[in-house]
Amino acid sequence: MTTQTLKIDGMSCGHCIKAVTMALQEVPGVDVKDVTVGQARIEADEAVVTPAQLTAAIEEAGFTLVSAAG
């Protein structure tokens, strides 16, 4: 498991935080640690989850993944 900070564009309120949290929780291999406006801190099992899956989950929630840093 690696800890990653995801920079997310388009978030502005508590509803956004909840939407991103729920979207990331549904991705296998992801443990959501903290979500705030503009970013999410997660632990990801790189053997299970791909960057494309993280991007897709965030986009499906209506936001844009700007970057992911470990």
C-alpha atoms as a PDB file:
ATOM      1  CA  MET A   1       0.000   0.000   0.000  1.00  0.00           C
ATOM      2  CA  THR A   2       1.262   3.449  -0.883  1.00  0.00           C
ATOM      3  CA  THR A   3      -0.066   6.746   0.405  1.00  0.00           C
ATOM      4  CA  GLN A   4      -0.996   9.158  -2.359  1.00  0.00           C
ATOM      5  CA  THR A   5      -2.285  12.710  -2.415  1.00  0.00           C
ATOM      6  CA  LEU A   6      -4.660  13.331  -5.296  1.00  0.00           C
ATOM      7  CA  LYS A   7      -5.142  16.914  -6.482  1.00  0.00           C
ATOM      8  CA  ILE A   8      -8.712  17.285  -7.717  1.00  0.00           C
ATOM      9  CA  ASP A   9     -10.186  20.184  -9.684  1.00  0.00           C
ATOM     10  CA  GLY A  10     -13.818  21.281  -9.491  1.00  0.00           C
ATOM     11  CA  MET A  11     -14.502  20.691  -5.797  1.00  0.00           C
ATOM     12  CA  SER A  12     -16.012  23.554  -3.812  1.00  0.00           C
ATOM     13  CA  CYS A  13     -18.182  22.264  -0.950  1.00  0.00           C
ATOM     14  CA  GLY A  14     -19.129  19.491   1.441  1.00  0.00           C
ATOM     15  CA  HIS A  15     -21.258  17.786  -1.217  1.00  0.00           C
ATOM     16  CA  CYS A  16     -18.176  17.594  -3.455  1.00  0.00           C
ATOM     17  CA  ILE A  17     -16.155  16.060  -0.618  1.00  0.00           C
ATOM     18  CA  LYS A  18     -18.843  13.433  -0.046  1.00  0.00           C
ATOM     19  CA  ALA A  19     -19.117  12.619  -3.764  1.00  0.00           C
ATOM     20  CA  VAL A  20     -15.347  12.139  -4.136  1.00  0.00           C
ATOM     21  CA  THR A  21     -15.141  10.108  -0.920  1.00  0.00           C
ATOM     22  CA  MET A  22     -17.917   7.767  -2.049  1.00  0.00           C
ATOM     23  CA  ALA A  23     -16.447   7.402  -5.550  1.00  0.00           C
ATOM     24  CA  LEU A  24     -12.994   6.503  -4.231  1.00  0.00           C
ATOM     25  CA  GLN A  25     -14.375   4.099  -1.606  1.00  0.00           C
ATOM     26  CA  GLU A  26     -15.917   2.052  -4.418  1.00  0.00           C
ATOM     27  CA  VAL A  27     -12.538   1.456  -6.093  1.00  0.00           C
ATOM     28  CA  PRO A  28     -11.073  -1.934  -5.052  1.00  0.00           C
ATOM     29  CA  GLY A  29      -7.698  -1.569  -3.363  1.00  0.00           C
ATOM     30  CA  VAL A  30      -8.293   2.010  -2.170  1.00  0.00           C
ATOM     31  CA  ASP A  31      -8.505   3.086   1.470  1.00  0.00           C
ATOM     32  CA  VAL A  32      -9.670   6.706   1.743  1.00  0.00           C
ATOM     33  CA  LYS A  33      -7.830   8.520   4.540  1.00  0.00           C
ATOM     34  CA  ASP A  34      -8.975  12.140   4.127  1.00  0.00           C
ATOM     35  CA  VAL A  35     -10.819  14.236   1.560  1.00  0.00           C
ATOM     36  CA  THR A  36     -10.880  18.032   1.574  1.00  0.00           C
ATOM     37  CA  VAL A  37     -11.799  20.597  -1.062  1.00  0.00           C
ATOM     38  CA  GLY A  38      -9.273  20.131  -3.839  1.00  0.00           C
ATOM     39  CA  GLN A  39      -7.549  16.975  -2.660  1.00  0.00           C
ATOM     40  CA  ALA A  40      -7.871  13.450  -1.356  1.00  0.00           C
ATOM     41  CA  ARG A  41      -5.347  11.427   0.630  1.00  0.00           C
ATOM     42  CA  ILE A  42      -5.617   7.695   0.031  1.00  0.00           C
ATOM     43  CA  GLU A  43      -3.743   4.464   0.521  1.00  0.00           C
ATOM     44  CA  ALA A  44      -3.733   2.421  -2.670  1.00  0.00           C
ATOM     45  CA  ASP A  45      -2.717  -1.167  -3.289  1.00  0.00           C
ATOM     46  CA  GLU A  46      -0.816  -0.750  -6.548  1.00  0.00           C
ATOM     47  CA  ALA A  47      -1.231  -4.462  -7.305  1.00  0.00           C
ATOM     48  CA  VAL A  48      -5.017  -3.938  -7.425  1.00  0.00           C
ATOM     49  CA  VAL A  49      -5.756  -0.352  -8.470  1.00  0.00           C
ATOM     50  CA  THR A  50      -4.402   1.547 -11.485  1.00  0.00           C
ATOM     51  CA  PRO A  51      -4.089   5.302 -12.011  1.00  0.00           C
ATOM     52  CA  ALA A  52      -6.696   4.965 -14.778  1.00  0.00           C
ATOM     53  CA  GLN A  53      -9.196   3.529 -12.279  1.00  0.00           C
ATOM     54  CA  LEU A  54      -8.640   6.461  -9.910  1.00  0.00           C
ATOM     55  CA  THR A  55      -9.066   8.934 -12.765  1.00  0.00           C
ATOM     56  CA  ALA A  56     -12.260   7.222 -13.947  1.00  0.00           C
ATOM     57  CA  ALA A  57     -13.789   7.166 -10.446  1.00  0.00           C
ATOM     58  CA  ILE A  58     -13.130  10.880  -9.935  1.00  0.00           C
ATOM     59  CA  GLU A  59     -14.404  11.789 -13.406  1.00  0.00           C
ATOM     60  CA  GLU A  60     -17.578   9.740 -12.887  1.00  0.00           C
ATOM     61  CA  ALA A  61     -18.182  11.795  -9.732  1.00  0.00           C
ATOM     62  CA  GLY A  62     -17.966  14.939 -11.889  1.00  0.00           C
ATOM     63  CA  PHE A  63     -14.456  16.160 -11.085  1.00  0.00           C
ATOM     64  CA  THR A  64     -10.995  16.184 -12.679  1.00  0.00           C
ATOM     65  CA  LEU A  65      -7.901  14.458 -11.323  1.00  0.00           C
ATOM     66  CA  VAL A  66      -5.086  16.972 -11.823  1.00  0.00           C
ATOM     67  CA  SER A  67      -2.214  14.989 -10.300  1.00  0.00           C
ATOM     68  CA  ALA A  68      -1.342  12.132  -7.995  1.00  0.00           C
ATOM     69  CA  ALA A  69       1.753  12.248  -5.813  1.00  0.00           C
ATOM     70  CA  GLY A  70       3.067   9.518  -3.561  1.00  0.00           C
END
